[in-house]
């Protein structure tokens, strides 16, 4: 795989992992009644924002682990 293709794969998988994780965190927050778009910054809204951030970070981490496992299999 060329350097450009490898970098494109890395960027795309990071973006997909982060956005997917953030959306999952947002969904979990909604299920728990934590709407990040509610008026004001109450405790539930801040907890929902934290869930979105945690979800994004976990999604990014999973994408990087997937990429590392995939490259280890190819070698």
PDB file of N, CA and C in Angstrom:
ATOM      1  N   UNK A   1       0.856  -1.176   0.000  1.00  0.00           N
ATOM      2  CA  UNK A   1       0.000   0.000   0.000  1.00  0.00           C
ATOM      3  C   UNK A   1       0.899   1.235   0.000  1.00  0.00           C
ATOM      4  N   UNK A   2       0.610   2.189  -0.880  1.00  0.00           N
ATOM      5  CA  UNK A   2       1.425   3.398  -0.959  1.00  0.00           C
ATOM      6  C   UNK A   2       1.191   4.279   0.269  1.00  0.00           C
ATOM      7  N   UNK A   3       2.089   5.221   0.446  1.00  0.00           N
ATOM      8  CA  UNK A   3       1.985   6.119   1.591  1.00  0.00           C
ATOM      9  C   UNK A   3       0.690   6.929   1.548  1.00  0.00           C
ATOM     10  N   UNK A   4       0.325   7.410   0.371  1.00  0.00           N
ATOM     11  CA  UNK A   4      -0.904   8.204   0.254  1.00  0.00           C
ATOM     12  C   UNK A   4      -2.133   7.371   0.600  1.00  0.00           C
ATOM     13  N   UNK A   5      -2.177   6.136   0.134  1.00  0.00           N
ATOM     14  CA  UNK A   5      -3.318   5.270   0.446  1.00  0.00           C
ATOM     15  C   UNK A   5      -3.362   4.946   1.932  1.00  0.00           C
ATOM     16  N   UNK A   6      -2.200   4.721   2.524  1.00  0.00           N
ATOM     17  CA  UNK A   6      -2.143   4.412   3.953  1.00  0.00           C
ATOM     18  C   UNK A   6      -2.633   5.599   4.778  1.00  0.00           C
ATOM     19  N   UNK A   7      -2.198   6.801   4.406  1.00  0.00           N
ATOM     20  CA  UNK A   7      -2.628   7.996   5.132  1.00  0.00           C
ATOM     21  C   UNK A   7      -4.120   8.266   4.952  1.00  0.00           C
ATOM     22  N   UNK A   8      -4.626   8.027   3.743  1.00  0.00           N
ATOM     23  CA  UNK A   8      -6.059   8.191   3.505  1.00  0.00           C
ATOM     24  C   UNK A   8      -6.859   7.193   4.340  1.00  0.00           C
ATOM     25  N   UNK A   9      -6.385   5.958   4.390  1.00  0.00           N
ATOM     26  CA  UNK A   9      -7.057   4.925   5.193  1.00  0.00           C
ATOM     27  C   UNK A   9      -7.030   5.296   6.679  1.00  0.00           C
ATOM     28  N   UNK A  10      -5.903   5.817   7.140  1.00  0.00           N
ATOM     29  CA  UNK A  10      -5.778   6.208   8.541  1.00  0.00           C
ATOM     30  C   UNK A  10      -6.732   7.353   8.874  1.00  0.00           C
ATOM     31  N   UNK A  11      -6.760   8.369   8.043  1.00  0.00           N
ATOM     32  CA  UNK A  11      -7.643   9.510   8.291  1.00  0.00           C
ATOM     33  C   UNK A  11      -9.111   9.146   8.214  1.00  0.00           C
ATOM     34  N   UNK A  12      -9.461   8.352   7.214  1.00  0.00           N
ATOM     35  CA  UNK A  12     -10.868   7.967   7.052  1.00  0.00           C
ATOM     36  C   UNK A  12     -11.337   7.085   8.201  1.00  0.00           C
ATOM     37  N   UNK A  13     -10.509   6.125   8.612  1.00  0.00           N
ATOM     38  CA  UNK A  13     -10.930   5.236   9.701  1.00  0.00           C
ATOM     39  C   UNK A  13     -11.007   5.994  11.024  1.00  0.00           C
ATOM     40  N   UNK A  14     -10.082   6.938  11.253  1.00  0.00           N
ATOM     41  CA  UNK A  14     -10.163   7.761  12.462  1.00  0.00           C
ATOM     42  C   UNK A  14     -11.447   8.587  12.476  1.00  0.00           C
ATOM     43  N   UNK A  15     -11.765   9.198  11.345  1.00  0.00           N
ATOM     44  CA  UNK A  15     -12.970  10.035  11.272  1.00  0.00           C
ATOM     45  C   UNK A  15     -14.233   9.211  11.471  1.00  0.00           C
ATOM     46  N   UNK A  16     -14.299   8.067  10.810  1.00  0.00           N
ATOM     47  CA  UNK A  16     -15.484   7.208  10.940  1.00  0.00           C
ATOM     48  C   UNK A  16     -15.623   6.698  12.368  1.00  0.00           C
ATOM     49  N   UNK A  17     -14.505   6.299  12.972  1.00  0.00           N
ATOM     50  CA  UNK A  17     -14.546   5.821  14.353  1.00  0.00           C
ATOM     51  C   UNK A  17     -14.985   6.902  15.319  1.00  0.00           C
ATOM     52  N   UNK A  18     -14.434   8.112  15.155  1.00  0.00           N
ATOM     53  CA  UNK A  18     -14.785   9.201  16.060  1.00  0.00           C
ATOM     54  C   UNK A  18     -16.248   9.602  15.920  1.00  0.00           C
ATOM     55  N   UNK A  19     -16.695   9.808  14.694  1.00  0.00           N
ATOM     56  CA  UNK A  19     -18.082  10.236  14.471  1.00  0.00           C
ATOM     57  C   UNK A  19     -19.056   9.144  14.906  1.00  0.00           C
ATOM     58  N   UNK A  20     -18.740   7.897  14.580  1.00  0.00           N
ATOM     59  CA  UNK A  20     -19.604   6.792  15.003  1.00  0.00           C
ATOM     60  C   UNK A  20     -19.691   6.681  16.515  1.00  0.00           C
ATOM     61  N   UNK A  21     -18.559   6.825  17.188  1.00  0.00           N
ATOM     62  CA  UNK A  21     -18.555   6.778  18.648  1.00  0.00           C
ATOM     63  C   UNK A  21     -19.299   7.946  19.268  1.00  0.00           C
ATOM     64  N   UNK A  22     -19.128   9.133  18.686  1.00  0.00           N
ATOM     65  CA  UNK A  22     -19.834  10.307  19.199  1.00  0.00           C
ATOM     66  C   UNK A  22     -21.342  10.155  19.026  1.00  0.00           C
ATOM     67  N   UNK A  23     -21.760   9.624  17.883  1.00  0.00           N
ATOM     68  CA  UNK A  23     -23.197   9.396  17.671  1.00  0.00           C
ATOM     69  C   UNK A  23     -23.734   8.331  18.623  1.00  0.00           C
ATOM     70  N   UNK A  24     -22.926   7.310  18.889  1.00  0.00           N
ATOM     71  CA  UNK A  24     -23.348   6.289  19.854  1.00  0.00           C
ATOM     72  C   UNK A  24     -23.476   6.897  21.250  1.00  0.00           C
ATOM     73  N   UNK A  25     -22.517   7.740  21.636  1.00  0.00           N
ATOM     74  CA  UNK A  25     -22.592   8.421  22.929  1.00  0.00           C
ATOM     75  C   UNK A  25     -23.799   9.334  23.022  1.00  0.00           C
ATOM     76  N   UNK A  26     -24.113  10.020  21.923  1.00  0.00           N
ATOM     77  CA  UNK A  26     -25.298  10.881  21.884  1.00  0.00           C
ATOM     78  C   UNK A  26     -26.566  10.048  22.045  1.00  0.00           C
ATOM     79  N   UNK A  27     -26.605   8.903  21.373  1.00  0.00           N
ATOM     80  CA  UNK A  27     -27.767   8.018  21.475  1.00  0.00           C
ATOM     81  C   UNK A  27     -27.955   7.480  22.880  1.00  0.00           C
ATOM     82  N   UNK A  28     -26.855   7.082  23.513  1.00  0.00           N
ATOM     83  CA  UNK A  28     -26.941   6.594  24.895  1.00  0.00           C
ATOM     84  C   UNK A  28     -27.429   7.716  25.808  1.00  0.00           C
ATOM     85  N   UNK A  29     -26.913   8.913  25.581  1.00  0.00           N
ATOM     86  CA  UNK A  29     -27.361  10.053  26.381  1.00  0.00           C
ATOM     87  C   UNK A  29     -28.847  10.322  26.228  1.00  0.00           C
ATOM     88  N   UNK A  30     -29.346  10.230  25.001  1.00  0.00           N
ATOM     89  CA  UNK A  30     -30.783  10.425  24.788  1.00  0.00           C
ATOM     90  C   UNK A  30     -31.596   9.338  25.478  1.00  0.00           C
ATOM     91  N   UNK A  31     -31.110   8.098  25.407  1.00  0.00           N
ATOM     92  CA  UNK A  31     -31.823   7.009  26.082  1.00  0.00           C
ATOM     93  C   UNK A  31     -31.881   7.223  27.591  1.00  0.00           C
ATOM     94  N   UNK A  32     -30.848   7.851  28.133  1.00  0.00           N
ATOM     95  CA  UNK A  32     -30.810   8.115  29.571  1.00  0.00           C
ATOM     96  C   UNK A  32     -31.442   9.461  29.939  1.00  0.00           C
ATOM     97  N   UNK A  33     -31.999  10.155  28.944  1.00  0.00           N
ATOM     98  CA  UNK A  33     -32.664  11.429  29.209  1.00  0.00           C
ATOM     99  C   UNK A  33     -31.725  12.612  29.311  1.00  0.00           C
ATOM    100  N   UNK A  34     -30.553  12.523  28.695  1.00  0.00           N
ATOM    101  CA  UNK A  34     -29.562  13.599  28.752  1.00  0.00           C
ATOM    102  C   UNK A  34     -29.454  14.257  27.382  1.00  0.00           C
ATOM    103  N   UNK A  35     -30.299  15.245  27.125  1.00  0.00           N
ATOM    104  CA  UNK A  35     -30.307  15.926  25.833  1.00  0.00           C
ATOM    105  C   UNK A  35     -29.278  17.049  25.848  1.00  0.00           C
ATOM    106  N   UNK A  36     -28.288  16.971  24.964  1.00  0.00           N
ATOM    107  CA  UNK A  36     -27.237  17.992  24.951  1.00  0.00           C
ATOM    108  C   UNK A  36     -27.727  19.309  24.358  1.00  0.00           C
ATOM    109  N   UNK A  37     -28.860  19.292  23.685  1.00  0.00           N
ATOM    110  CA  UNK A  37     -29.387  20.501  23.061  1.00  0.00           C
ATOM    111  C   UNK A  37     -30.509  21.148  23.873  1.00  0.00           C
ATOM    112  N   UNK A  38     -30.702  20.730  25.108  1.00  0.00           N
ATOM    113  CA  UNK A  38     -31.744  21.343  25.930  1.00  0.00           C
ATOM    114  C   UNK A  38     -31.300  22.748  26.350  1.00  0.00           C
ATOM    115  N   UNK A  39     -32.258  23.555  26.759  1.00  0.00           N
ATOM    116  CA  UNK A  39     -31.946  24.929  27.150  1.00  0.00           C
ATOM    117  C   UNK A  39     -31.084  24.945  28.398  1.00  0.00           C
ATOM    118  N   UNK A  40     -30.144  25.860  28.427  1.00  0.00           N
ATOM    119  CA  UNK A  40     -29.268  25.994  29.578  1.00  0.00           C
ATOM    120  C   UNK A  40     -28.246  24.878  29.640  1.00  0.00           C
ATOM    121  N   UNK A  41     -27.410  24.945  30.627  1.00  0.00           N
ATOM    122  CA  UNK A  41     -26.403  23.909  30.838  1.00  0.00           C
ATOM    123  C   UNK A  41     -26.632  23.272  32.199  1.00  0.00           C
ATOM    124  N   UNK A  42     -27.649  22.437  32.273  1.00  0.00           N
ATOM    125  CA  UNK A  42     -27.918  21.709  33.498  1.00  0.00           C
ATOM    126  C   UNK A  42     -26.994  20.507  33.614  1.00  0.00           C
ATOM    127  N   UNK A  43     -27.114  19.810  34.707  1.00  0.00           N
ATOM    128  CA  UNK A  43     -26.263  18.646  34.940  1.00  0.00           C
ATOM    129  C   UNK A  43     -26.489  17.563  33.887  1.00  0.00           C
ATOM    130  N   UNK A  44     -27.734  17.360  33.485  1.00  0.00           N
ATOM    131  CA  UNK A  44     -28.027  16.330  32.483  1.00  0.00           C
ATOM    132  C   UNK A  44     -27.427  16.696  31.133  1.00  0.00           C
ATOM    133  N   UNK A  45     -27.479  17.963  30.781  1.00  0.00           N
ATOM    134  CA  UNK A  45     -26.912  18.411  29.508  1.00  0.00           C
ATOM    135  C   UNK A  45     -25.396  18.239  29.499  1.00  0.00           C
ATOM    136  N   UNK A  46     -24.745  18.592  30.585  1.00  0.00           N
ATOM    137  CA  UNK A  46     -23.290  18.450  30.675  1.00  0.00           C
ATOM    138  C   UNK A  46     -22.897  16.980  30.675  1.00  0.00           C
ATOM    139  N   UNK A  47     -23.657  16.137  31.353  1.00  0.00           N
ATOM    140  CA  UNK A  47     -23.373  14.699  31.328  1.00  0.00           C
ATOM    141  C   UNK A  47     -23.551  14.142  29.917  1.00  0.00           C
ATOM    142  N   UNK A  48     -24.545  14.630  29.190  1.00  0.00           N
ATOM    143  CA  UNK A  48     -24.741  14.207  27.807  1.00  0.00           C
ATOM    144  C   UNK A  48     -23.578  14.612  26.920  1.00  0.00           C
ATOM    145  N   UNK A  49     -23.070  15.827  27.122  1.00  0.00           N
ATOM    146  CA  UNK A  49     -21.909  16.293  26.365  1.00  0.00           C
ATOM    147  C   UNK A  49     -20.696  15.423  26.683  1.00  0.00           C
ATOM    148  N   UNK A  50     -20.540  15.061  27.946  1.00  0.00           N
ATOM    149  CA  UNK A  50     -19.430  14.183  28.329  1.00  0.00           C
ATOM    150  C   UNK A  50     -19.564  12.813  27.665  1.00  0.00           C
ATOM    151  N   UNK A  51     -20.785  12.292  27.581  1.00  0.00           N
ATOM    152  CA  UNK A  51     -20.991  11.005  26.912  1.00  0.00           C
ATOM    153  C   UNK A  51     -20.636  11.071  25.433  1.00  0.00           C
ATOM    154  N   UNK A  52     -20.936  12.186  24.789  1.00  0.00           N
ATOM    155  CA  UNK A  52     -20.564  12.353  23.382  1.00  0.00           C
ATOM    156  C   UNK A  52     -19.040  12.347  23.250  1.00  0.00           C
ATOM    157  N   UNK A  53     -18.349  13.046  24.119  1.00  0.00           N
ATOM    158  CA  UNK A  53     -16.886  13.075  24.087  1.00  0.00           C
ATOM    159  C   UNK A  53     -16.265  11.724  24.371  1.00  0.00           C
ATOM    160  N   UNK A  54     -16.792  11.034  25.363  1.00  0.00           N
ATOM    161  CA  UNK A  54     -16.282   9.701  25.694  1.00  0.00           C
ATOM    162  C   UNK A  54     -16.544   8.737  24.548  1.00  0.00           C
ATOM    163  N   UNK A  55     -17.730   8.816  23.969  1.00  0.00           N
ATOM    164  CA  UNK A  55     -18.052   7.955  22.831  1.00  0.00           C
ATOM    165  C   UNK A  55     -17.139   8.213  21.649  1.00  0.00           C
ATOM    166  N   UNK A  56     -16.865   9.482  21.367  1.00  0.00           N
ATOM    167  CA  UNK A  56     -15.954   9.820  20.278  1.00  0.00           C
ATOM    168  C   UNK A  56     -14.554   9.289  20.525  1.00  0.00           C
ATOM    169  N   UNK A  57     -14.077   9.423  21.738  1.00  0.00           N
ATOM    170  CA  UNK A  57     -12.752   8.906  22.082  1.00  0.00           C
ATOM    171  C   UNK A  57     -12.677   7.393  21.990  1.00  0.00           C
ATOM    172  N   UNK A  58     -13.714   6.718  22.462  1.00  0.00           N
ATOM    173  CA  UNK A  58     -13.733   5.253  22.371  1.00  0.00           C
ATOM    174  C   UNK A  58     -13.823   4.784  20.926  1.00  0.00           C
ATOM    175  N   UNK A  59     -14.612   5.478  20.117  1.00  0.00           N
ATOM    176  CA  UNK A  59     -14.710   5.129  18.704  1.00  0.00           C
ATOM    177  C   UNK A  59     -13.380   5.301  17.991  1.00  0.00           C
ATOM    178  N   UNK A  60     -12.673   6.376  18.298  1.00  0.00           N
ATOM    179  CA  UNK A  60     -11.353   6.608  17.713  1.00  0.00           C
ATOM    180  C   UNK A  60     -10.379   5.523  18.145  1.00  0.00           C
ATOM    181  N   UNK A  61     -10.413   5.169  19.424  1.00  0.00           N
ATOM    182  CA  UNK A  61      -9.536   4.113  19.939  1.00  0.00           C
ATOM    183  C   UNK A  61      -9.826   2.778  19.256  1.00  0.00           C
ATOM    184  N   UNK A  62     -11.098   2.445  19.094  1.00  0.00           N
ATOM    185  CA  UNK A  62     -11.456   1.192  18.424  1.00  0.00           C
ATOM    186  C   UNK A  62     -11.024   1.189  16.962  1.00  0.00           C
ATOM    187  N   UNK A  63     -11.138   2.330  16.297  1.00  0.00           N
ATOM    188  CA  UNK A  63     -10.694   2.418  14.899  1.00  0.00           C
ATOM    189  C   UNK A  63      -9.193   2.188  14.794  1.00  0.00           C
ATOM    190  N   UNK A  64      -8.435   2.739  15.720  1.00  0.00           N
ATOM    191  CA  UNK A  64      -6.976   2.550  15.690  1.00  0.00           C
ATOM    192  C   UNK A  64      -6.591   1.119  16.027  1.00  0.00           C
ATOM    193  N   UNK A  65      -7.309   0.502  16.951  1.00  0.00           N
ATOM    194  CA  UNK A  65      -7.036  -0.917  17.255  1.00  0.00           C
ATOM    195  C   UNK A  65      -7.370  -1.798  16.067  1.00  0.00           C
ATOM    196  N   UNK A  66      -8.485  -1.492  15.375  1.00  0.00           N
ATOM    197  CA  UNK A  66      -8.863  -2.248  14.182  1.00  0.00           C
ATOM    198  C   UNK A  66      -7.787  -2.124  13.119  1.00  0.00           C
ATOM    199  N   UNK A  67      -7.288  -0.899  12.918  1.00  0.00           N
ATOM    200  CA  UNK A  67      -6.259  -0.668  11.910  1.00  0.00           C
ATOM    201  C   UNK A  67      -4.961  -1.391  12.267  1.00  0.00           C
ATOM    202  N   UNK A  68      -4.585  -1.398  13.544  1.00  0.00           N
ATOM    203  CA  UNK A  68      -3.369  -2.087  13.971  1.00  0.00           C
ATOM    204  C   UNK A  68      -3.506  -3.596  13.786  1.00  0.00           C
ATOM    205  N   UNK A  69      -4.669  -4.143  14.122  1.00  0.00           N
ATOM    206  CA  UNK A  69      -4.884  -5.585  13.944  1.00  0.00           C
ATOM    207  C   UNK A  69      -4.885  -5.950  12.472  1.00  0.00           C
ATOM    208  N   UNK A  70      -5.437  -5.086  11.655  1.00  0.00           N
ATOM    209  CA  UNK A  70      -5.487  -5.340  10.213  1.00  0.00           C
ATOM    210  C   UNK A  70      -4.088  -5.314   9.601  1.00  0.00           C
ATOM    211  N   UNK A  71      -3.258  -4.374  10.034  1.00  0.00           N
ATOM    212  CA  UNK A  71      -1.905  -4.292   9.480  1.00  0.00           C
ATOM    213  C   UNK A  71      -1.034  -5.430  10.001  1.00  0.00           C
ATOM    214  N   UNK A  72      -1.288  -5.906  11.230  1.00  0.00           N
ATOM    215  CA  UNK A  72      -0.515  -7.032  11.768  1.00  0.00           C
ATOM    216  C   UNK A  72      -0.831  -8.314  11.009  1.00  0.00           C
ATOM    217  N   UNK A  73      -2.074  -8.478  10.573  1.00  0.00           N
ATOM    218  CA  UNK A  73      -2.458  -9.665   9.804  1.00  0.00           C
ATOM    219  C   UNK A  73      -1.809  -9.687   8.432  1.00  0.00           C
ATOM    220  N   UNK A  74      -1.600  -8.503   7.860  1.00  0.00           N
ATOM    221  CA  UNK A  74      -1.028  -8.430   6.513  1.00  0.00           C
ATOM    222  C   UNK A  74       0.468  -8.723   6.507  1.00  0.00           C
ATOM    223  N   UNK A  75       1.140  -8.497   7.621  1.00  0.00           N
ATOM    224  CA  UNK A  75       2.595  -8.695   7.671  1.00  0.00           C
ATOM    225  C   UNK A  75       2.980 -10.103   7.969  1.00  0.00           C
TER     226      UNK A  75
END
